[in-house]
Amino acid sequence: MDAYLRGAALAIVLGTGIVVVTGAAIGAGNNDVSQKGRTFQPAALTIKRGEAVQIVNDDADLLHHAYVDTPEFSFDSGDQAPGEKARIVFPVAGTFAVLCGIHPKMKLTVRVEAP
């Protein structure tokens, strides 16, 4: 949900007292994945459609570059310096490979289930 729609949802909540759950709140979860030692840890996980996976570069001296490239959707974190985080929201069900553009042996498998 972009910033404009989040602002509109907040205005509805403040103006009417109605509770609105945004897509970000629905997708909130603890799906953290570490990039360390040229691996994703864990190497696989299962989430619900619309949830996010947060990829954290936990290496002290290596760049990483997480990406997903599928017909259903794509994501590109750009280069991630040590300590940087990238958040990937999975909008469709299926099984997806998250790869590192710098370290070709790195692979995270994300299985996305319909809610």
N, C-alpha and C. Protein backbone atom coordinates (compact mmCIF):
# COMPACT_ATOMS: atom_id res chain seq x y z
N MET A 1 0.86 -1.16 0.00
CA MET A 1 0.00 0.00 0.00
C MET A 1 0.91 1.22 0.00
N ASP A 2 0.65 2.16 -0.88
CA ASP A 2 1.54 3.31 -0.93
C ASP A 2 1.21 4.31 0.17
N ALA A 3 2.06 5.31 0.34
CA ALA A 3 1.91 6.27 1.43
C ALA A 3 0.59 7.02 1.35
N TYR A 4 0.13 7.35 0.16
CA TYR A 4 -1.13 8.07 0.02
C TYR A 4 -2.29 7.26 0.57
N LEU A 5 -2.37 5.97 0.21
CA LEU A 5 -3.46 5.13 0.69
C LEU A 5 -3.36 4.89 2.18
N ARG A 6 -2.14 4.75 2.73
CA ARG A 6 -2.00 4.60 4.18
C ARG A 6 -2.53 5.84 4.87
N GLY A 7 -2.22 7.01 4.31
CA GLY A 7 -2.71 8.26 4.89
C GLY A 7 -4.23 8.34 4.82
N ALA A 8 -4.80 7.89 3.71
CA ALA A 8 -6.26 7.89 3.57
C ALA A 8 -6.88 6.94 4.58
N ALA A 9 -6.29 5.78 4.78
CA ALA A 9 -6.81 4.83 5.76
C ALA A 9 -6.74 5.41 7.16
N LEU A 10 -5.65 6.11 7.48
CA LEU A 10 -5.52 6.74 8.78
C LEU A 10 -6.58 7.82 8.96
N ALA A 11 -6.84 8.59 7.91
CA ALA A 11 -7.86 9.64 7.99
C ALA A 11 -9.23 9.03 8.25
N ILE A 12 -9.52 7.89 7.64
CA ILE A 12 -10.80 7.23 7.88
C ILE A 12 -10.89 6.80 9.34
N VAL A 13 -9.81 6.24 9.86
CA VAL A 13 -9.81 5.80 11.25
C VAL A 13 -10.02 6.99 12.17
N LEU A 14 -9.27 8.06 11.95
CA LEU A 14 -9.38 9.22 12.83
C LEU A 14 -10.72 9.93 12.69
N GLY A 15 -11.26 9.96 11.48
CA GLY A 15 -12.50 10.68 11.25
C GLY A 15 -13.75 9.94 11.68
N THR A 16 -13.72 8.62 11.69
CA THR A 16 -14.94 7.87 11.96
C THR A 16 -14.84 6.95 13.17
N GLY A 17 -13.64 6.73 13.64
CA GLY A 17 -13.48 5.80 14.75
C GLY A 17 -13.51 4.34 14.29
N ILE A 18 -13.64 4.10 12.99
CA ILE A 18 -13.63 2.75 12.45
C ILE A 18 -12.20 2.25 12.37
N VAL A 19 -11.99 1.02 12.76
CA VAL A 19 -10.65 0.44 12.70
C VAL A 19 -10.43 -0.11 11.30
N VAL A 20 -9.36 0.33 10.67
CA VAL A 20 -9.00 -0.13 9.34
C VAL A 20 -7.67 -0.86 9.44
N VAL A 21 -7.62 -2.09 8.95
CA VAL A 21 -6.37 -2.85 8.94
C VAL A 21 -5.77 -2.71 7.56
N THR A 22 -4.56 -2.16 7.48
CA THR A 22 -3.92 -1.96 6.18
C THR A 22 -3.25 -3.23 5.73
N GLY A 23 -2.88 -3.27 4.46
CA GLY A 23 -2.15 -4.41 3.92
C GLY A 23 -0.85 -4.64 4.66
N ALA A 24 -0.20 -3.57 5.11
CA ALA A 24 1.06 -3.73 5.84
C ALA A 24 0.81 -4.45 7.16
N ALA A 25 -0.28 -4.13 7.83
CA ALA A 25 -0.58 -4.80 9.09
C ALA A 25 -0.93 -6.26 8.86
N ILE A 26 -1.66 -6.54 7.79
CA ILE A 26 -2.02 -7.91 7.48
C ILE A 26 -0.77 -8.71 7.19
N GLY A 27 0.19 -8.12 6.48
CA GLY A 27 1.40 -8.82 6.09
C GLY A 27 2.47 -8.84 7.17
N ALA A 28 2.20 -8.22 8.32
CA ALA A 28 3.20 -8.17 9.36
C ALA A 28 3.44 -9.57 9.93
N GLY A 29 4.68 -9.89 10.17
CA GLY A 29 5.00 -11.18 10.74
C GLY A 29 6.48 -11.24 11.04
N ASN A 30 6.88 -12.30 11.69
CA ASN A 30 8.28 -12.43 12.04
C ASN A 30 8.94 -13.42 11.09
N ASN A 31 9.21 -12.98 9.88
CA ASN A 31 9.82 -13.81 8.84
C ASN A 31 11.19 -13.25 8.50
N ASP A 32 12.07 -13.18 9.49
CA ASP A 32 13.41 -12.65 9.28
C ASP A 32 14.33 -13.73 8.73
N VAL A 33 15.15 -13.34 7.75
CA VAL A 33 16.13 -14.24 7.16
C VAL A 33 17.47 -13.53 7.19
N SER A 34 18.49 -14.24 7.65
CA SER A 34 19.84 -13.69 7.73
C SER A 34 20.65 -14.06 6.50
N GLN A 35 21.43 -13.11 6.02
CA GLN A 35 22.43 -13.39 4.98
C GLN A 35 23.77 -13.38 5.70
N LYS A 36 24.36 -14.55 5.84
CA LYS A 36 25.63 -14.63 6.58
C LYS A 36 26.41 -15.84 6.08
N GLY A 37 27.71 -15.65 5.92
CA GLY A 37 28.55 -16.75 5.47
C GLY A 37 28.18 -17.25 4.09
N ARG A 38 27.71 -16.35 3.24
CA ARG A 38 27.29 -16.68 1.87
C ARG A 38 26.15 -17.69 1.83
N THR A 39 25.26 -17.62 2.84
CA THR A 39 24.05 -18.45 2.86
C THR A 39 22.87 -17.62 3.38
N PHE A 40 21.68 -18.07 3.04
CA PHE A 40 20.47 -17.56 3.68
C PHE A 40 20.18 -18.48 4.85
N GLN A 41 19.85 -17.90 6.00
CA GLN A 41 19.53 -18.69 7.19
C GLN A 41 18.21 -18.20 7.75
N PRO A 42 17.14 -18.96 7.75
CA PRO A 42 17.05 -20.32 7.25
C PRO A 42 17.08 -20.33 5.72
N ALA A 43 17.25 -21.51 5.14
CA ALA A 43 17.33 -21.66 3.69
C ALA A 43 15.95 -21.82 3.06
N ALA A 44 14.93 -22.05 3.88
CA ALA A 44 13.57 -22.22 3.37
C ALA A 44 12.57 -21.81 4.44
N LEU A 45 11.43 -21.27 4.00
CA LEU A 45 10.35 -20.97 4.93
C LEU A 45 9.03 -20.95 4.19
N THR A 46 7.96 -21.05 4.96
CA THR A 46 6.60 -21.02 4.42
C THR A 46 5.86 -19.86 5.05
N ILE A 47 5.20 -19.07 4.20
CA ILE A 47 4.44 -17.92 4.67
C ILE A 47 3.08 -17.90 3.98
N LYS A 48 2.23 -16.98 4.39
CA LYS A 48 0.93 -16.77 3.75
C LYS A 48 1.06 -15.68 2.69
N ARG A 49 0.23 -15.76 1.65
CA ARG A 49 0.22 -14.72 0.61
C ARG A 49 -0.01 -13.36 1.26
N GLY A 50 0.75 -12.37 0.83
CA GLY A 50 0.65 -11.02 1.36
C GLY A 50 1.60 -10.74 2.51
N GLU A 51 2.21 -11.79 3.07
CA GLU A 51 3.18 -11.58 4.14
C GLU A 51 4.52 -11.15 3.55
N ALA A 52 5.35 -10.60 4.42
CA ALA A 52 6.66 -10.13 4.00
C ALA A 52 7.75 -10.97 4.63
N VAL A 53 8.87 -11.03 3.94
CA VAL A 53 10.10 -11.63 4.45
C VAL A 53 11.11 -10.50 4.54
N GLN A 54 11.75 -10.37 5.70
CA GLN A 54 12.79 -9.36 5.86
C GLN A 54 14.14 -10.05 5.79
N ILE A 55 14.95 -9.60 4.82
CA ILE A 55 16.28 -10.16 4.59
C ILE A 55 17.30 -9.19 5.19
N VAL A 56 18.13 -9.69 6.09
CA VAL A 56 19.10 -8.84 6.79
C VAL A 56 20.52 -9.29 6.43
N ASN A 57 21.35 -8.35 6.01
CA ASN A 57 22.75 -8.66 5.75
C ASN A 57 23.49 -8.67 7.09
N ASP A 58 23.73 -9.86 7.62
CA ASP A 58 24.42 -10.02 8.89
C ASP A 58 25.91 -10.26 8.74
N ASP A 59 26.44 -10.13 7.53
CA ASP A 59 27.88 -10.26 7.33
C ASP A 59 28.54 -8.93 7.67
N ALA A 60 29.71 -9.01 8.27
CA ALA A 60 30.43 -7.80 8.67
C ALA A 60 31.14 -7.11 7.51
N ASP A 61 31.45 -7.88 6.45
CA ASP A 61 32.27 -7.29 5.40
C ASP A 61 31.87 -7.67 3.98
N LEU A 62 30.68 -8.26 3.80
CA LEU A 62 30.25 -8.66 2.46
C LEU A 62 28.99 -7.92 2.04
N LEU A 63 28.95 -7.52 0.78
CA LEU A 63 27.71 -7.03 0.18
C LEU A 63 26.85 -8.23 -0.22
N HIS A 64 25.54 -8.04 -0.21
CA HIS A 64 24.60 -9.02 -0.75
C HIS A 64 23.63 -8.28 -1.65
N HIS A 65 22.86 -9.01 -2.43
CA HIS A 65 21.93 -8.40 -3.39
C HIS A 65 20.79 -9.40 -3.63
N ALA A 66 19.74 -9.32 -2.82
CA ALA A 66 18.63 -10.27 -2.92
C ALA A 66 17.70 -9.89 -4.07
N TYR A 67 17.25 -10.92 -4.80
CA TYR A 67 16.28 -10.65 -5.86
C TYR A 67 15.39 -11.86 -6.10
N VAL A 68 14.21 -11.57 -6.65
CA VAL A 68 13.25 -12.58 -7.12
C VAL A 68 12.90 -12.18 -8.54
N ASP A 69 12.95 -13.11 -9.46
CA ASP A 69 12.61 -12.81 -10.85
C ASP A 69 11.72 -13.92 -11.39
N THR A 70 10.41 -13.69 -11.36
CA THR A 70 9.44 -14.68 -11.82
C THR A 70 8.41 -13.98 -12.70
N PRO A 71 7.64 -14.73 -13.47
CA PRO A 71 6.56 -14.11 -14.24
C PRO A 71 5.48 -13.49 -13.34
N GLU A 72 5.31 -14.05 -12.12
CA GLU A 72 4.27 -13.54 -11.22
C GLU A 72 4.62 -12.19 -10.59
N PHE A 73 5.86 -12.03 -10.18
CA PHE A 73 6.33 -10.76 -9.64
C PHE A 73 7.84 -10.77 -9.57
N SER A 74 8.42 -9.59 -9.40
CA SER A 74 9.87 -9.50 -9.26
C SER A 74 10.22 -8.53 -8.15
N PHE A 75 11.40 -8.70 -7.61
CA PHE A 75 11.91 -7.85 -6.53
C PHE A 75 13.41 -7.76 -6.69
N ASP A 76 13.97 -6.59 -6.40
CA ASP A 76 15.41 -6.39 -6.46
C ASP A 76 15.80 -5.45 -5.33
N SER A 77 16.59 -5.94 -4.38
CA SER A 77 16.98 -5.13 -3.23
C SER A 77 18.06 -4.11 -3.56
N GLY A 78 18.76 -4.31 -4.68
CA GLY A 78 19.97 -3.53 -4.91
C GLY A 78 21.04 -4.06 -3.97
N ASP A 79 22.23 -3.50 -4.04
CA ASP A 79 23.31 -3.95 -3.15
C ASP A 79 22.97 -3.62 -1.70
N GLN A 80 23.13 -4.60 -0.82
CA GLN A 80 22.88 -4.44 0.61
C GLN A 80 24.22 -4.46 1.35
N ALA A 81 24.56 -3.34 1.94
CA ALA A 81 25.76 -3.26 2.76
C ALA A 81 25.53 -4.00 4.08
N PRO A 82 26.59 -4.35 4.79
CA PRO A 82 26.42 -5.00 6.09
C PRO A 82 25.44 -4.21 6.97
N GLY A 83 24.51 -4.95 7.59
CA GLY A 83 23.51 -4.34 8.46
C GLY A 83 22.24 -3.89 7.77
N GLU A 84 22.25 -3.76 6.45
CA GLU A 84 21.06 -3.31 5.73
C GLU A 84 20.01 -4.40 5.64
N LYS A 85 18.74 -3.96 5.55
CA LYS A 85 17.61 -4.88 5.48
C LYS A 85 16.83 -4.63 4.19
N ALA A 86 16.24 -5.69 3.67
CA ALA A 86 15.36 -5.60 2.51
C ALA A 86 14.08 -6.35 2.86
N ARG A 87 12.93 -5.77 2.54
CA ARG A 87 11.64 -6.37 2.84
C ARG A 87 10.97 -6.77 1.53
N ILE A 88 10.63 -8.06 1.42
CA ILE A 88 9.98 -8.58 0.21
C ILE A 88 8.57 -9.02 0.59
N VAL A 89 7.57 -8.42 -0.05
CA VAL A 89 6.18 -8.84 0.13
C VAL A 89 5.85 -9.79 -1.02
N PHE A 90 5.29 -10.95 -0.69
CA PHE A 90 4.94 -11.96 -1.68
C PHE A 90 3.44 -11.87 -1.96
N PRO A 91 3.05 -11.29 -3.11
CA PRO A 91 1.64 -11.03 -3.40
C PRO A 91 0.87 -12.20 -3.97
N VAL A 92 1.56 -13.27 -4.35
CA VAL A 92 0.89 -14.42 -4.97
C VAL A 92 1.38 -15.71 -4.33
N ALA A 93 0.51 -16.74 -4.38
CA ALA A 93 0.89 -18.05 -3.86
C ALA A 93 1.82 -18.76 -4.83
N GLY A 94 2.65 -19.64 -4.31
CA GLY A 94 3.57 -20.41 -5.14
C GLY A 94 4.86 -20.65 -4.38
N THR A 95 5.84 -21.21 -5.06
CA THR A 95 7.16 -21.43 -4.48
C THR A 95 8.15 -20.59 -5.25
N PHE A 96 8.93 -19.78 -4.52
CA PHE A 96 9.80 -18.80 -5.14
C PHE A 96 11.23 -18.94 -4.63
N ALA A 97 12.17 -18.69 -5.52
CA ALA A 97 13.59 -18.67 -5.17
C ALA A 97 14.02 -17.23 -4.98
N VAL A 98 14.59 -16.94 -3.82
CA VAL A 98 15.23 -15.65 -3.57
C VAL A 98 16.71 -15.93 -3.72
N LEU A 99 17.35 -15.20 -4.61
CA LEU A 99 18.76 -15.43 -4.92
C LEU A 99 19.59 -14.20 -4.57
N CYS A 100 20.90 -14.39 -4.50
CA CYS A 100 21.82 -13.27 -4.29
C CYS A 100 22.55 -13.01 -5.60
N GLY A 101 22.47 -11.79 -6.08
CA GLY A 101 23.12 -11.42 -7.33
C GLY A 101 24.63 -11.38 -7.25
N ILE A 102 25.17 -11.44 -6.05
CA ILE A 102 26.62 -11.39 -5.87
C ILE A 102 27.19 -12.78 -5.61
N HIS A 103 26.44 -13.59 -4.88
CA HIS A 103 26.89 -14.94 -4.50
C HIS A 103 25.92 -15.96 -5.09
N PRO A 104 26.22 -16.49 -6.28
CA PRO A 104 25.27 -17.32 -7.02
C PRO A 104 24.85 -18.62 -6.32
N LYS A 105 25.60 -19.09 -5.33
CA LYS A 105 25.22 -20.32 -4.64
C LYS A 105 24.19 -20.07 -3.54
N MET A 106 23.94 -18.81 -3.21
CA MET A 106 22.96 -18.49 -2.17
C MET A 106 21.55 -18.64 -2.73
N LYS A 107 20.70 -19.39 -2.00
CA LYS A 107 19.31 -19.57 -2.42
C LYS A 107 18.41 -19.72 -1.21
N LEU A 108 17.35 -18.96 -1.20
CA LEU A 108 16.29 -19.07 -0.19
C LEU A 108 15.03 -19.51 -0.92
N THR A 109 14.39 -20.57 -0.44
CA THR A 109 13.14 -21.03 -1.03
C THR A 109 12.00 -20.56 -0.14
N VAL A 110 11.07 -19.80 -0.74
CA VAL A 110 9.92 -19.29 0.01
C VAL A 110 8.66 -19.92 -0.60
N ARG A 111 7.97 -20.68 0.23
CA ARG A 111 6.69 -21.28 -0.18
C ARG A 111 5.60 -20.36 0.34
N VAL A 112 4.78 -19.85 -0.58
CA VAL A 112 3.73 -18.90 -0.23
C VAL A 112 2.38 -19.60 -0.42
N GLU A 113 1.63 -19.69 0.68
CA GLU A 113 0.32 -20.33 0.66
C GLU A 113 -0.79 -19.29 0.63
N ALA A 114 -1.90 -19.65 0.01
CA ALA A 114 -3.08 -18.78 0.02
C ALA A 114 -3.62 -18.75 1.45
N PRO A 115 -4.07 -17.59 1.92
CA PRO A 115 -4.60 -17.52 3.29
C PRO A 115 -5.90 -18.28 3.44
